[in-house]
Amino acid sequence: MGAKHFTTQVAIIGGGPAGLLLSHILQKHGIESIVLERQTKDYVLARIRAGFLEHGTVQMLRDYDLGERMDREGLPKNGGAIACQGKPGVYIDTVKWTGKQMMAYGQTAITEDLYAARERDGGHVINEAGQVALHDLKSDRPRVTFSKDGENYEIACSFIAGCDGFHGVSRQSIPSDVLKVFERAYPFGWLGIMAEVPPLKELVYAYHEDGFALASQRNPMLSRYYVQCDINDAIEDWTDDRFWEALLRRMPDDIAGKITTGPSIEKSIAPLRSFVAEPMQYGALFLAGDAAHIVPPTGAKGLNLAFSDVHYLSRGLIEHLKHNRSHHLERYSADALRRVWSAENFSWRMTKMLHAFPNEDPFTRRIQANTYDLLLQHPPMQQALAYEYVGLPF
């Protein structure tokens, strides 16, 4: 039997936050899309990811009627604390320095909100789509083929948005002689746990000679904590007791004394890498989010960067499909990459300042210590960090 056919304006590969948000925004402007996701909805919603939102991301969700639950359950944040072993801590007050507030609100909750909005509005989301392939990307009528429940399907469209993550098919569909990849892998990972205990009132980054530690929040009774671990460690190597001992030892005593410990309800190890693929467009294909770039989580930029991609891409698609103008669509890759590299730069500097790098030479360790001292002693340095941390303007 032949393939069954769909026709739409934009085929979106990937049903995570970036793909769902793009579909939601396009529908608000009268543009049709179909979202393909290879996993089940339950699988997508079970993924534990970041949850610290820049000011621009918060406003974007509100602007598209996606902020009601966030404003009800999220934790507004005015900044975060940075501590360094044996030295005074410093609080980066983003409201003081920028006038802008951030929000702690988990990516799982955002994805739930987006799925609910797609279902409420009749959005076309196809989960468990297998064998996805992209065709005729340099033509004016690209195609996407996929299989589901033993049937083959084809989508004819005008544009394809690749929002399918680092391991997805979208970036792999760009010829290797076109795509340039820039990458740096870090010699450690982050062991993260979720615990149903009251979080600290503030986000706290901590440097210790044994490794980095982070205290984060999800809601008033859900805490997210991280410690730097060896890249070769396995989850089984880390009991809850070992994790809490490492976290409390790496935090300053006055902060450690305020941390409520408890059994973990989720535990995972994430490698750290910096990755950028250029260009973010090839013919009718546009990459967004992790399909095009990865940042180490130290700067809390991953989800925010994906949403800024969606801002630039939706702007270009709306302008082209509704007004027959292509200025912003043609500039999509350049506009998005400018912000991507700024976030990569910030995340790399934060990672260098706050982690214990194995086999680092004494000169580099002195530079690392001096970087923190400059931040501690000079308010303009704190202002600059606040400006980047709260999120550069779109």
Protein backbone atom coordinates (compact mmCIF):
# COMPACT_ATOMS: atom_id res chain seq x y z
CA MET A 1 0.00 0.00 0.00
CA GLY A 2 1.13 3.57 -0.67
CA ALA A 3 1.71 6.19 1.97
CA LYS A 4 -1.15 8.20 3.40
CA HIS A 5 -0.80 11.92 2.76
CA PHE A 6 -1.06 15.06 4.87
CA THR A 7 -0.60 18.64 3.74
CA THR A 8 0.35 21.48 6.06
CA GLN A 9 2.28 24.74 6.00
CA VAL A 10 4.97 23.85 8.58
CA ALA A 11 6.06 20.35 9.57
CA ILE A 12 7.61 20.44 13.04
CA ILE A 13 9.95 17.59 13.97
CA GLY A 14 10.04 17.14 17.75
CA GLY A 15 7.28 17.42 20.33
CA GLY A 16 9.29 18.90 23.17
CA PRO A 17 8.86 22.47 24.45
CA ALA A 18 10.37 24.17 21.37
CA GLY A 19 8.26 22.27 18.84
CA LEU A 20 5.05 22.61 20.83
CA LEU A 21 5.58 26.32 21.46
CA LEU A 22 6.29 26.97 17.78
CA SER A 23 3.11 25.12 16.79
CA HIS A 24 1.12 27.10 19.38
CA ILE A 25 2.43 30.47 18.19
CA LEU A 26 1.89 29.64 14.51
CA GLN A 27 -1.72 28.64 15.17
CA LYS A 28 -2.31 31.93 16.99
CA HIS A 29 -1.40 33.60 13.68
CA GLY A 30 -3.53 31.32 11.53
CA ILE A 31 -0.69 29.10 10.27
CA GLU A 32 -1.17 25.32 10.09
CA SER A 33 1.42 22.88 11.40
CA ILE A 34 1.85 19.21 12.22
CA VAL A 35 4.14 18.15 15.08
CA LEU A 36 5.88 14.75 14.89
CA GLU A 37 7.29 13.24 18.08
CA ARG A 38 8.94 9.82 18.14
CA GLN A 39 8.18 9.19 21.83
CA THR A 40 4.89 8.78 23.65
CA LYS A 41 3.35 11.78 25.35
CA ASP A 42 3.91 10.14 28.75
CA TYR A 43 7.61 9.66 27.94
CA VAL A 44 8.02 13.31 26.93
CA LEU A 45 6.30 14.50 30.11
CA ALA A 46 8.46 12.23 32.29
CA ARG A 47 11.72 13.87 31.15
CA ILE A 48 13.28 15.91 33.95
CA ARG A 49 14.96 19.03 32.64
CA ALA A 50 15.89 22.55 33.67
CA GLY A 51 13.47 24.98 35.16
CA PHE A 52 15.00 28.43 35.45
CA LEU A 53 13.38 30.92 33.10
CA GLU A 54 14.83 34.18 31.85
CA HIS A 55 12.74 37.32 31.97
CA GLY A 56 12.16 37.18 28.21
CA THR A 57 10.99 33.56 28.37
CA VAL A 58 8.53 34.38 31.16
CA GLN A 59 7.12 37.30 29.16
CA MET A 60 6.91 35.17 26.01
CA LEU A 61 4.81 32.55 27.80
CA ARG A 62 2.53 35.24 29.19
CA ASP A 63 2.17 36.92 25.82
CA TYR A 64 0.88 33.69 24.28
CA ASP A 65 -1.54 32.86 27.11
CA LEU A 66 0.68 30.14 28.57
CA GLY A 67 1.59 31.82 31.85
CA GLU A 68 -1.40 31.25 34.13
CA ARG A 69 -0.10 28.13 35.88
CA MET A 70 3.47 29.44 35.83
CA ASP A 71 2.39 32.61 37.63
CA ARG A 72 0.40 30.54 40.12
CA GLU A 73 2.92 27.79 40.91
CA GLY A 74 6.30 29.16 39.83
CA LEU A 75 8.75 30.85 42.16
CA PRO A 76 9.67 34.41 41.09
CA LYS A 77 13.41 34.92 41.39
CA ASN A 78 15.32 38.15 41.88
CA GLY A 79 18.76 36.67 41.34
CA GLY A 80 21.06 34.03 42.76
CA ALA A 81 23.97 33.53 45.15
CA ILE A 82 27.48 32.44 44.20
CA ALA A 83 29.84 31.01 46.81
CA CYS A 84 33.51 30.08 46.63
CA GLN A 85 35.26 27.88 49.17
CA GLY A 86 36.98 29.94 51.86
CA LYS A 87 35.69 33.29 50.56
CA PRO A 88 32.65 35.48 51.15
CA GLY A 89 29.65 34.83 48.93
CA VAL A 90 28.12 37.28 46.51
CA TYR A 91 24.45 37.74 45.62
CA ILE A 92 23.73 38.67 42.01
CA ASP A 93 20.61 40.82 42.32
CA THR A 94 19.16 40.82 38.81
CA VAL A 95 16.25 43.06 39.77
CA LYS A 96 18.59 45.64 41.26
CA TRP A 97 20.89 45.64 38.26
CA THR A 98 18.41 45.11 35.41
CA GLY A 99 14.92 45.77 36.77
CA LYS A 100 13.90 42.30 35.52
CA GLN A 101 12.69 39.25 37.42
CA MET A 102 13.15 35.57 36.53
CA MET A 103 11.11 32.48 37.40
CA ALA A 104 11.80 28.98 38.72
CA TYR A 105 9.31 26.74 36.91
CA GLY A 106 10.11 23.23 35.75
CA GLN A 107 10.38 22.28 32.09
CA THR A 108 8.08 19.32 32.76
CA ALA A 109 5.36 21.73 33.85
CA ILE A 110 5.93 23.90 30.77
CA THR A 111 5.60 20.84 28.52
CA GLU A 112 2.39 19.85 30.31
CA ASP A 113 1.03 23.35 29.74
CA LEU A 114 1.96 23.23 26.06
CA TYR A 115 0.40 19.81 25.49
CA ALA A 116 -2.77 21.01 27.22
CA ALA A 117 -2.87 24.09 25.00
CA ARG A 118 -2.33 22.01 21.83
CA GLU A 119 -5.14 19.62 22.83
CA ARG A 120 -7.47 22.47 23.78
CA ASP A 121 -6.86 24.29 20.49
CA GLY A 122 -7.00 21.22 18.26
CA GLY A 123 -3.30 21.24 17.45
CA HIS A 124 -2.11 18.35 15.29
CA VAL A 125 0.49 16.44 17.34
CA ILE A 126 1.45 12.90 16.29
CA ASN A 127 3.29 10.92 18.95
CA GLU A 128 5.14 7.64 18.35
CA ALA A 129 6.14 8.69 14.83
CA GLY A 130 8.91 6.37 13.67
CA GLN A 131 11.37 6.32 10.75
CA VAL A 132 11.08 10.08 10.24
CA ALA A 133 12.94 11.27 7.13
CA LEU A 134 13.20 14.67 5.46
CA HIS A 135 13.15 15.05 1.66
CA ASP A 136 13.58 17.71 -1.03
CA LEU A 137 14.88 20.33 1.41
CA LYS A 138 16.20 22.56 -1.38
CA SER A 139 12.88 22.58 -3.25
CA ASP A 140 9.82 24.77 -2.68
CA ARG A 141 7.80 21.71 -1.63
CA PRO A 142 9.75 19.68 0.92
CA ARG A 143 8.36 16.44 2.32
CA VAL A 144 8.50 14.49 5.55
CA THR A 145 7.87 10.76 5.67
CA PHE A 146 7.23 8.69 8.79
CA SER A 147 5.57 5.52 10.02
CA LYS A 148 3.05 4.91 12.78
CA ASP A 149 1.16 1.79 13.81
CA GLY A 150 2.40 -0.11 10.77
CA GLU A 151 1.27 2.56 8.29
CA ASN A 152 3.45 4.86 6.17
CA TYR A 153 2.72 8.58 5.91
CA GLU A 154 3.95 11.59 3.96
CA ILE A 155 3.57 15.27 4.82
CA ALA A 156 3.82 17.86 2.06
CA CYS A 157 4.66 21.27 3.47
CA SER A 158 6.27 24.63 2.79
CA PHE A 159 8.81 24.58 5.64
CA ILE A 160 10.26 22.13 8.16
CA ALA A 161 11.25 23.12 11.69
CA GLY A 162 13.82 20.76 13.23
CA CYS A 163 13.12 20.83 16.98
CA ASP A 164 14.06 17.21 17.63
CA GLY A 165 17.04 17.60 19.89
CA PHE A 166 20.72 16.75 19.70
CA HIS A 167 20.19 13.16 18.50
CA GLY A 168 17.34 13.93 16.10
CA VAL A 169 17.15 13.46 12.35
CA SER A 170 16.89 17.15 11.43
CA ARG A 171 20.50 18.27 11.83
CA GLN A 172 21.66 14.96 10.33
CA SER A 173 19.69 15.83 7.18
CA ILE A 174 22.01 18.75 6.40
CA PRO A 175 24.90 17.67 4.16
CA SER A 176 28.21 17.34 5.99
CA ASP A 177 29.94 19.66 3.54
CA VAL A 178 27.46 22.41 4.48
CA LEU A 179 27.28 21.98 8.25
CA LYS A 180 30.01 23.32 10.51
CA VAL A 181 30.17 21.98 14.06
CA PHE A 182 31.87 23.64 17.03
CA GLU A 183 32.12 21.54 20.18
CA ARG A 184 33.77 21.29 23.57
CA ALA A 185 33.24 18.37 25.94
CA TYR A 186 33.88 18.84 29.67
CA PRO A 187 35.68 16.20 31.76
CA PHE A 188 32.87 15.88 34.33
CA GLY A 189 29.12 15.56 34.65
CA TRP A 190 26.32 16.78 36.89
CA LEU A 191 24.60 14.35 39.22
CA GLY A 192 21.15 15.77 39.88
CA ILE A 193 18.44 14.67 42.28
CA MET A 194 14.89 15.73 42.89
CA ALA A 195 13.56 15.62 46.46
CA GLU A 196 10.19 16.51 47.94
CA VAL A 197 11.66 18.84 50.55
CA PRO A 198 11.40 22.63 50.93
CA PRO A 199 14.04 24.32 48.74
CA LEU A 200 16.36 27.10 49.78
CA LYS A 201 14.86 30.52 49.23
CA GLU A 202 17.61 31.40 46.76
CA LEU A 203 19.42 29.67 43.95
CA VAL A 204 22.98 28.93 45.15
CA TYR A 205 26.02 28.11 43.00
CA ALA A 206 29.04 26.87 44.95
CA TYR A 207 32.68 26.23 44.02
CA HIS A 208 34.64 23.74 46.13
CA GLU A 209 37.97 22.06 45.49
CA ASP A 210 36.10 18.74 45.39
CA GLY A 211 33.70 20.01 42.74
CA PHE A 212 30.77 22.24 41.94
CA ALA A 213 27.39 22.15 43.74
CA LEU A 214 24.05 23.81 43.01
CA ALA A 215 20.86 24.32 44.98
CA SER A 216 17.82 25.02 42.81
CA GLN A 217 14.04 25.06 43.17
CA ARG A 218 10.94 23.77 41.42
CA ASN A 219 8.09 24.68 43.79
CA PRO A 220 7.59 25.21 47.55
CA MET A 221 7.87 21.47 48.23
CA LEU A 222 10.16 20.31 45.44
CA SER A 223 13.92 20.84 45.40
CA ARG A 224 16.51 20.18 42.69
CA TYR A 225 20.15 19.75 43.72
CA TYR A 226 23.29 18.97 41.73
CA VAL A 227 26.90 18.01 42.43
CA GLN A 228 29.79 17.73 39.98
CA CYS A 229 30.78 14.11 39.45
CA ASP A 230 33.27 12.11 37.41
CA ILE A 231 32.19 11.67 33.81
CA ASN A 232 32.53 7.89 34.20
CA ASP A 233 30.37 7.62 37.34
CA ALA A 234 27.17 5.58 37.25
CA ILE A 235 23.95 6.32 39.13
CA GLU A 236 24.54 3.19 41.19
CA ASP A 237 27.75 4.76 42.52
CA TRP A 238 25.76 7.48 44.25
CA THR A 239 23.50 6.57 47.13
CA ASP A 240 21.34 9.32 48.58
CA ASP A 241 23.60 9.45 51.64
CA ARG A 242 26.70 9.92 49.48
CA PHE A 243 24.98 12.65 47.49
CA TRP A 244 23.83 14.65 50.52
CA GLU A 245 27.26 14.34 52.17
CA ALA A 246 28.95 15.72 49.04
CA LEU A 247 26.43 18.52 48.61
CA LEU A 248 26.58 19.70 52.22
CA ARG A 249 30.40 19.52 52.29
CA ARG A 250 30.68 21.66 49.15
CA MET A 251 28.22 24.31 50.31
CA PRO A 252 29.31 27.05 52.76
CA ASP A 253 28.41 26.09 56.35
CA ASP A 254 25.76 28.79 56.73
CA ILE A 255 23.98 27.57 53.59
CA ALA A 256 24.45 23.84 54.28
CA GLY A 257 22.74 24.31 57.65
CA LYS A 258 19.57 25.48 55.90
CA ILE A 259 19.29 22.54 53.47
CA THR A 260 16.57 19.98 54.20
CA THR A 261 17.61 16.50 53.08
CA GLY A 262 15.35 13.60 52.18
CA PRO A 263 14.93 10.61 49.88
CA SER A 264 15.40 11.32 46.19
CA ILE A 265 12.46 10.79 43.84
CA GLU A 266 14.59 11.16 40.70
CA LYS A 267 18.31 10.87 40.09
CA SER A 268 20.29 11.30 36.88
CA ILE A 269 23.76 12.10 35.56
CA ALA A 270 24.15 14.54 32.67
CA PRO A 271 27.39 15.09 30.73
CA LEU A 272 28.39 18.69 30.05
CA ARG A 273 29.16 19.93 26.56
CA SER A 274 29.17 23.09 24.50
CA PHE A 275 27.97 22.52 20.95
CA VAL A 276 26.92 24.75 18.05
CA ALA A 277 25.96 23.77 14.49
CA GLU A 278 26.09 26.37 11.74
CA PRO A 279 24.11 27.33 9.77
CA MET A 280 20.75 26.78 11.48
CA GLN A 281 19.01 26.76 8.09
CA TYR A 282 19.36 24.56 5.01
CA GLY A 283 16.83 25.23 2.26
CA ALA A 284 13.37 24.78 3.75
CA LEU A 285 14.76 23.29 7.00
CA PHE A 286 15.27 25.46 10.08
CA LEU A 287 16.90 24.09 13.24
CA ALA A 288 15.83 25.22 16.71
CA GLY A 289 16.83 24.31 20.24
CA ASP A 290 19.07 21.35 21.04
CA ALA A 291 19.04 20.26 17.39
CA ALA A 292 21.35 23.22 16.76
CA HIS A 293 23.11 23.88 20.05
CA ILE A 294 23.86 22.59 23.53
CA VAL A 295 25.08 24.67 26.46
CA PRO A 296 26.42 23.43 29.79
CA PRO A 297 23.64 23.93 32.36
CA THR A 298 25.74 26.23 34.54
CA GLY A 299 24.27 29.32 32.91
CA ALA A 300 20.66 28.03 32.89
CA LYS A 301 20.36 28.88 29.19
CA GLY A 302 19.28 25.67 27.42
CA LEU A 303 15.48 25.97 27.46
CA ASN A 304 15.65 29.75 27.27
CA LEU A 305 17.82 29.56 24.17
CA ALA A 306 15.39 27.14 22.52
CA PHE A 307 12.55 29.58 23.14
CA SER A 308 14.53 32.50 21.72
CA ASP A 309 15.05 30.37 18.58
CA VAL A 310 11.28 29.90 18.44
CA HIS A 311 10.84 33.66 18.72
CA TYR A 312 13.09 34.32 15.71
CA LEU A 313 11.72 31.41 13.67
CA SER A 314 8.04 32.12 14.30
CA ARG A 315 8.61 35.77 13.41
CA GLY A 316 10.16 34.80 10.08
CA LEU A 317 7.55 32.17 9.23
CA ILE A 318 4.64 34.48 10.09
CA GLU A 319 6.12 37.31 8.05
CA HIS A 320 6.61 35.03 5.03
CA LEU A 321 3.41 32.99 5.14
CA LYS A 322 1.05 35.81 6.12
CA HIS A 323 2.65 38.86 4.50
CA ASN A 324 4.79 37.39 1.69
CA ARG A 325 7.96 39.01 3.01
CA SER A 326 11.13 37.02 3.71
CA HIS A 327 13.51 39.44 5.43
CA HIS A 328 13.44 37.82 8.87
CA LEU A 329 13.21 34.26 7.57
CA GLU A 330 16.34 34.78 5.48
CA ARG A 331 18.09 36.23 8.54
CA TYR A 332 16.92 33.52 10.92
CA SER A 333 20.23 31.68 11.23
CA ALA A 334 22.29 34.86 11.67
CA ASP A 335 19.87 36.37 14.21
CA ALA A 336 19.55 33.17 16.23
CA LEU A 337 23.28 32.39 16.20
CA ARG A 338 24.19 35.81 17.53
CA ARG A 339 22.21 35.06 20.68
CA VAL A 340 23.35 31.41 20.72
CA TRP A 341 27.03 32.36 20.82
CA SER A 342 26.39 34.93 23.56
CA ALA A 343 24.76 32.21 25.67
CA GLU A 344 27.57 29.76 24.86
CA ASN A 345 30.11 32.37 25.95
CA PHE A 346 28.31 33.07 29.23
CA SER A 347 27.76 29.39 30.03
CA TRP A 348 31.40 28.56 29.28
CA ARG A 349 32.67 31.34 31.57
CA MET A 350 30.33 30.28 34.39
CA THR A 351 31.44 26.67 33.98
CA LYS A 352 35.13 27.62 34.07
CA MET A 353 34.70 29.75 37.18
CA LEU A 354 32.68 27.26 39.25
CA HIS A 355 34.00 23.77 38.52
CA ALA A 356 37.03 21.84 39.68
CA PHE A 357 38.82 20.82 36.48
CA PRO A 358 40.96 17.68 36.81
CA ASN A 359 44.68 18.09 36.12
CA GLU A 360 44.40 21.88 35.86
CA ASP A 361 47.74 23.65 36.08
CA PRO A 362 48.48 26.11 38.94
CA PHE A 363 48.37 29.17 36.66
CA THR A 364 44.86 28.35 35.43
CA ARG A 365 43.67 27.72 39.00
CA ARG A 366 44.95 31.18 39.99
CA ILE A 367 43.10 32.74 37.06
CA GLN A 368 39.95 30.89 38.12
CA ALA A 369 40.27 32.21 41.67
CA ASN A 370 40.91 35.74 40.44
CA THR A 371 37.80 35.61 38.25
CA TYR A 372 35.70 35.08 41.36
CA ASP A 373 37.60 37.76 43.28
CA LEU A 374 36.87 40.30 40.54
CA LEU A 375 33.19 39.43 40.72
CA LEU A 376 33.18 39.68 44.51
CA GLN A 377 34.99 43.00 44.73
CA HIS A 378 33.60 45.01 41.82
CA PRO A 379 29.89 45.90 41.47
CA PRO A 380 30.21 46.57 37.71
CA MET A 381 31.24 42.92 37.28
CA GLN A 382 28.13 41.85 39.19
CA GLN A 383 26.01 44.12 37.01
CA ALA A 384 27.47 42.61 33.84
CA LEU A 385 26.81 39.08 35.07
CA ALA A 386 23.24 40.03 36.05
CA TYR A 387 22.60 41.45 32.59
CA GLU A 388 23.63 38.18 30.93
CA TYR A 389 22.01 35.93 33.52
CA VAL A 390 18.57 37.52 33.31
CA GLY A 391 18.70 37.04 29.55
CA LEU A 392 19.81 39.22 26.65
CA PRO A 393 16.98 40.95 24.75
CA PHE A 394 15.58 39.04 21.79
